Amino acid sequence: MVVTGTDTGVGKTVVSAAITAAAQAAGLRVAVVKPGQTGTAPGGPGDVDAVQRLAAPLTGRTLASYPDPLAPLTAARVAELEPLELYRAVDAVREEAEKHDLVIVEGAGGLLVPMGLRPSGEPWTVADLAVSLGAPAVVVTRAGLGTLNHTALTLEALDRRAVPAGVVVGAWPTAPELVHWANLSDLVPKLLGALPAGAGAMDPGVFRRSAPGWLTPALHGVLDDWRAWAEEIG
């Protein structure tokens, strides 16, 4: 399962952790793979470390790490480091799939951010990785103004590639306004979950117990009635 987003900073890492926690609560063996980590000092903690802290997946792997907070391919060039090759990422994910029930692949930035290079020298994206793996995608999106357009563009790009996809709201506000409720109504047909704002700062034990309630059964959660959820939140 590929976790991507409409943009950077939408909550992909926390959503990856929530799916991990829900799947493990359902008895699955989960691995989390981050193909390209950027903006991290050598040896410093990255997104996989955050997922490990919150959800403790059976396995966590980062395939390539670059110090500058840029798109992975750009960060590799700036740092004069080897860019990640597409089929190295594909092989790493398939290797973990042989040993786990679910492999969550967390992208970087949005769906079409250049991640690395193909053997031909052409850039590849998270969308290309999903196609190569034959994996469905989870699109993490914002709750507020502008999210409908960004979400629709991302879903259309996935649909053109025949990649099945659903949506998770990365941070549902504690005091939602009209725009948030209106967006939620429009997203419901594709909506697979909604995480509360600040979920990433929760105590890991509370996070793991709560995560199944944020996600629908399609993501191994127990949320099955958006109307009831909205009434409870409201």
Protein backbone atom coordinates (compact mmCIF):
# COMPACT_ATOMS: atom_id res chain seq x y z
CA MET A 1 0.00 0.00 0.00
CA VAL A 2 1.46 3.34 -1.09
CA VAL A 3 0.77 6.36 1.15
CA THR A 4 1.05 9.61 -0.76
CA GLY A 5 -0.39 13.08 -0.30
CA THR A 6 -1.77 16.15 -2.00
CA ASP A 7 1.32 18.06 -0.84
CA THR A 8 4.09 18.04 1.71
CA GLY A 9 3.18 18.40 5.39
CA VAL A 10 -0.31 16.89 5.08
CA GLY A 11 0.29 14.10 7.60
CA LYS A 12 1.53 11.12 5.56
CA THR A 13 3.80 9.86 8.32
CA VAL A 14 1.15 9.94 11.03
CA VAL A 15 -1.38 8.31 8.70
CA SER A 16 1.18 5.61 7.88
CA ALA A 17 1.58 5.04 11.61
CA ALA A 18 -2.21 4.88 12.12
CA ILE A 19 -2.66 2.30 9.35
CA THR A 20 0.23 0.33 10.84
CA ALA A 21 -1.32 0.39 14.31
CA ALA A 22 -4.77 -0.61 13.03
CA ALA A 23 -3.38 -3.43 10.88
CA GLN A 24 -1.29 -4.79 13.73
CA ALA A 25 -4.29 -4.62 16.06
CA ALA A 26 -6.04 -6.79 13.45
CA GLY A 27 -3.22 -9.32 13.70
CA LEU A 28 -1.21 -8.43 10.58
CA ARG A 29 2.58 -8.32 10.31
CA VAL A 30 3.46 -4.87 9.00
CA ALA A 31 6.57 -3.37 7.41
CA VAL A 32 6.99 0.33 6.65
CA VAL A 33 9.33 1.39 3.83
CA LYS A 34 10.39 4.98 3.13
CA PRO A 35 12.06 5.04 -0.31
CA GLY A 36 13.45 8.58 -0.05
CA GLN A 37 13.96 10.59 3.15
CA THR A 38 15.03 14.21 2.85
CA GLY A 39 15.85 17.00 5.28
CA THR A 40 17.53 14.70 7.78
CA ALA A 41 21.09 14.93 9.06
CA PRO A 42 23.21 11.78 8.61
CA GLY A 43 22.19 9.34 11.32
CA GLY A 44 19.33 11.59 12.43
CA PRO A 45 15.74 10.42 12.94
CA GLY A 46 13.43 10.33 9.95
CA ASP A 47 9.83 9.49 9.16
CA VAL A 48 10.29 5.76 9.73
CA ASP A 49 11.56 6.53 13.24
CA ALA A 50 8.37 8.51 13.90
CA VAL A 51 6.25 5.57 12.71
CA GLN A 52 8.31 3.20 14.87
CA ARG A 53 7.72 5.42 17.92
CA LEU A 54 3.96 5.66 17.40
CA ALA A 55 3.08 2.23 16.04
CA ALA A 56 6.14 -0.05 16.39
CA PRO A 57 5.86 -1.87 13.04
CA LEU A 58 7.57 -5.24 12.78
CA THR A 59 10.03 -3.74 10.27
CA GLY A 60 10.98 -0.19 9.29
CA ARG A 61 13.34 0.66 6.41
CA THR A 62 14.61 3.85 4.78
CA LEU A 63 16.19 3.15 1.40
CA ALA A 64 17.89 6.50 0.75
CA SER A 65 18.40 9.60 2.86
CA TYR A 66 19.52 13.09 1.83
CA PRO A 67 20.30 16.10 4.06
CA ASP A 68 18.50 18.91 2.20
CA PRO A 69 14.70 19.39 2.54
CA LEU A 70 14.02 19.05 -1.18
CA ALA A 71 12.43 16.53 -3.52
CA PRO A 72 14.50 13.33 -3.22
CA LEU A 73 15.98 13.46 -6.72
CA THR A 74 16.87 17.14 -6.34
CA ALA A 75 18.28 16.52 -2.86
CA ALA A 76 20.48 13.72 -4.24
CA ARG A 77 21.86 16.02 -6.93
CA VAL A 78 22.50 18.90 -4.51
CA ALA A 79 24.33 16.60 -2.09
CA GLU A 80 26.15 14.84 -4.95
CA LEU A 81 24.80 11.50 -3.76
CA GLU A 82 23.53 8.53 -5.74
CA PRO A 83 19.83 8.92 -6.61
CA LEU A 84 17.53 6.03 -5.75
CA GLU A 85 16.93 3.71 -8.69
CA LEU A 86 13.30 2.69 -9.27
CA TYR A 87 13.80 -1.06 -9.33
CA ARG A 88 15.93 -1.00 -6.21
CA ALA A 89 12.85 0.43 -4.46
CA VAL A 90 10.55 -2.12 -6.12
CA ASP A 91 12.81 -5.02 -5.11
CA ALA A 92 13.08 -3.77 -1.51
CA VAL A 93 9.29 -3.54 -1.13
CA ARG A 94 8.75 -6.97 -2.69
CA GLU A 95 11.38 -8.43 -0.38
CA GLU A 96 9.45 -7.17 2.63
CA ALA A 97 6.15 -8.36 1.13
CA GLU A 98 7.47 -11.91 1.23
CA LYS A 99 7.91 -11.64 5.02
CA HIS A 100 4.93 -9.46 6.01
CA ASP A 101 1.17 -9.34 5.51
CA LEU A 102 1.20 -5.63 4.67
CA VAL A 103 3.94 -3.30 3.43
CA ILE A 104 3.23 0.42 3.73
CA VAL A 105 5.33 2.54 1.38
CA GLU A 106 5.42 6.20 2.41
CA GLY A 107 6.19 8.66 -0.36
CA ALA A 108 7.75 12.11 -0.15
CA GLY A 109 5.79 15.29 -0.84
CA GLY A 110 3.04 14.82 -3.41
CA LEU A 111 2.31 12.07 -5.90
CA LEU A 112 4.41 13.35 -8.80
CA VAL A 113 7.50 14.55 -6.93
CA PRO A 114 10.65 13.15 -8.61
CA MET A 115 11.99 10.42 -6.33
CA GLY A 116 14.99 9.09 -8.23
CA LEU A 117 16.03 7.69 -11.60
CA ARG A 118 15.03 4.76 -13.79
CA PRO A 119 17.77 2.64 -15.40
CA SER A 120 17.17 4.76 -18.52
CA GLY A 121 18.08 7.91 -16.58
CA GLU A 122 14.50 9.24 -16.56
CA PRO A 123 13.00 10.43 -13.24
CA TRP A 124 10.38 8.31 -11.48
CA THR A 125 7.62 9.27 -9.06
CA VAL A 126 5.54 7.68 -6.31
CA ALA A 127 2.86 7.14 -8.96
CA ASP A 128 5.36 5.12 -11.01
CA LEU A 129 6.27 3.09 -7.94
CA ALA A 130 2.60 2.26 -7.26
CA VAL A 131 2.18 1.12 -10.88
CA SER A 132 5.34 -1.00 -10.77
CA LEU A 133 4.22 -2.65 -7.52
CA GLY A 134 0.58 -3.05 -8.55
CA ALA A 135 -0.26 -1.46 -5.20
CA PRO A 136 -3.28 0.64 -4.18
CA ALA A 137 -2.75 4.17 -2.89
CA VAL A 138 -3.93 6.15 0.11
CA VAL A 139 -4.02 9.90 -0.54
CA VAL A 140 -3.56 12.00 2.58
CA THR A 141 -5.24 15.38 2.27
CA ARG A 142 -5.96 18.53 4.26
CA ALA A 143 -9.33 19.34 5.79
CA GLY A 144 -9.50 23.02 4.84
CA LEU A 145 -9.89 25.35 1.90
CA GLY A 146 -8.28 24.18 -1.36
CA THR A 147 -8.32 20.50 -0.52
CA LEU A 148 -11.01 19.50 -3.02
CA ASN A 149 -9.00 20.63 -6.04
CA HIS A 150 -5.73 19.13 -4.82
CA THR A 151 -7.43 15.88 -3.91
CA ALA A 152 -9.26 15.64 -7.22
CA LEU A 153 -6.05 16.25 -9.19
CA THR A 154 -4.20 13.56 -7.26
CA LEU A 155 -7.03 11.03 -7.59
CA GLU A 156 -7.33 11.77 -11.32
CA ALA A 157 -3.61 11.16 -11.81
CA LEU A 158 -3.92 7.82 -10.02
CA ASP A 159 -7.06 6.86 -11.93
CA ARG A 160 -5.30 7.54 -15.26
CA ARG A 161 -2.69 5.00 -14.16
CA ALA A 162 -5.35 2.49 -13.02
CA VAL A 163 -4.17 2.72 -9.40
CA PRO A 164 -7.06 2.19 -6.92
CA ALA A 165 -7.07 4.97 -4.33
CA GLY A 166 -8.89 6.29 -1.29
CA VAL A 167 -8.51 9.38 0.89
CA VAL A 168 -7.61 10.03 4.53
CA VAL A 169 -7.85 13.47 6.14
CA GLY A 170 -4.49 13.92 7.83
CA ALA A 171 -5.58 16.35 10.57
CA TRP A 172 -9.23 16.97 11.40
CA PRO A 173 -9.44 20.23 13.41
CA THR A 174 -10.60 20.27 17.02
CA ALA A 175 -13.02 23.09 16.18
CA PRO A 176 -14.19 22.41 12.62
CA GLU A 177 -15.80 25.22 10.65
CA LEU A 178 -18.28 25.22 7.78
CA VAL A 179 -15.55 24.73 5.17
CA HIS A 180 -14.30 21.59 6.92
CA TRP A 181 -17.76 20.02 7.13
CA ALA A 182 -18.50 20.94 3.51
CA ASN A 183 -15.22 19.39 2.35
CA LEU A 184 -15.88 16.27 4.39
CA SER A 185 -19.25 15.80 2.70
CA ASP A 186 -17.63 16.01 -0.73
CA LEU A 187 -14.80 13.63 0.23
CA VAL A 188 -16.99 10.93 1.84
CA PRO A 189 -17.38 8.80 -1.33
CA LYS A 190 -13.59 8.23 -1.33
CA LEU A 191 -12.95 8.73 2.39
CA LEU A 192 -11.15 5.94 4.26
CA GLY A 193 -10.35 7.79 7.47
CA ALA A 194 -9.74 11.02 9.35
CA LEU A 195 -7.11 11.58 12.03
CA PRO A 196 -7.54 14.20 14.77
CA ALA A 197 -5.18 17.16 14.67
CA GLY A 198 -2.22 16.52 16.94
CA ALA A 199 -2.42 12.74 16.70
CA GLY A 200 1.32 12.54 16.13
CA ALA A 201 1.98 14.06 19.55
CA MET A 202 -0.10 11.48 21.40
CA ASP A 203 1.32 8.97 23.83
CA PRO A 204 2.17 5.91 21.69
CA GLY A 205 -0.06 3.64 23.75
CA VAL A 206 -3.04 5.97 23.34
CA PHE A 207 -2.26 6.35 19.63
CA ARG A 208 -2.25 2.58 19.04
CA ARG A 209 -5.50 2.04 20.92
CA SER A 210 -7.19 4.95 19.13
CA ALA A 211 -5.99 4.39 15.55
CA PRO A 212 -8.58 1.74 14.53
CA GLY A 213 -11.36 4.22 15.34
CA TRP A 214 -9.95 6.74 12.86
CA LEU A 215 -9.95 4.38 9.88
CA THR A 216 -12.54 2.37 7.97
CA PRO A 217 -12.33 -1.43 7.56
CA ALA A 218 -10.61 -0.92 4.19
CA LEU A 219 -7.60 0.26 6.23
CA HIS A 220 -8.12 -2.33 9.00
CA GLY A 221 -10.03 0.09 11.23
CA VAL A 222 -13.51 -0.04 12.74
CA LEU A 223 -15.02 3.27 11.55
CA ASP A 224 -18.07 2.27 9.51
CA ASP A 225 -20.54 5.15 9.79
CA TRP A 226 -19.48 8.69 8.86
CA ARG A 227 -22.82 10.14 9.99
CA ALA A 228 -22.37 8.70 13.49
CA TRP A 229 -18.75 9.87 13.51
CA ALA A 230 -19.78 13.41 12.54
CA GLU A 231 -22.49 13.51 15.22
CA GLU A 232 -20.04 12.34 17.87
CA ILE A 233 -17.35 14.83 16.80
CA GLY A 234 -19.89 17.64 16.51
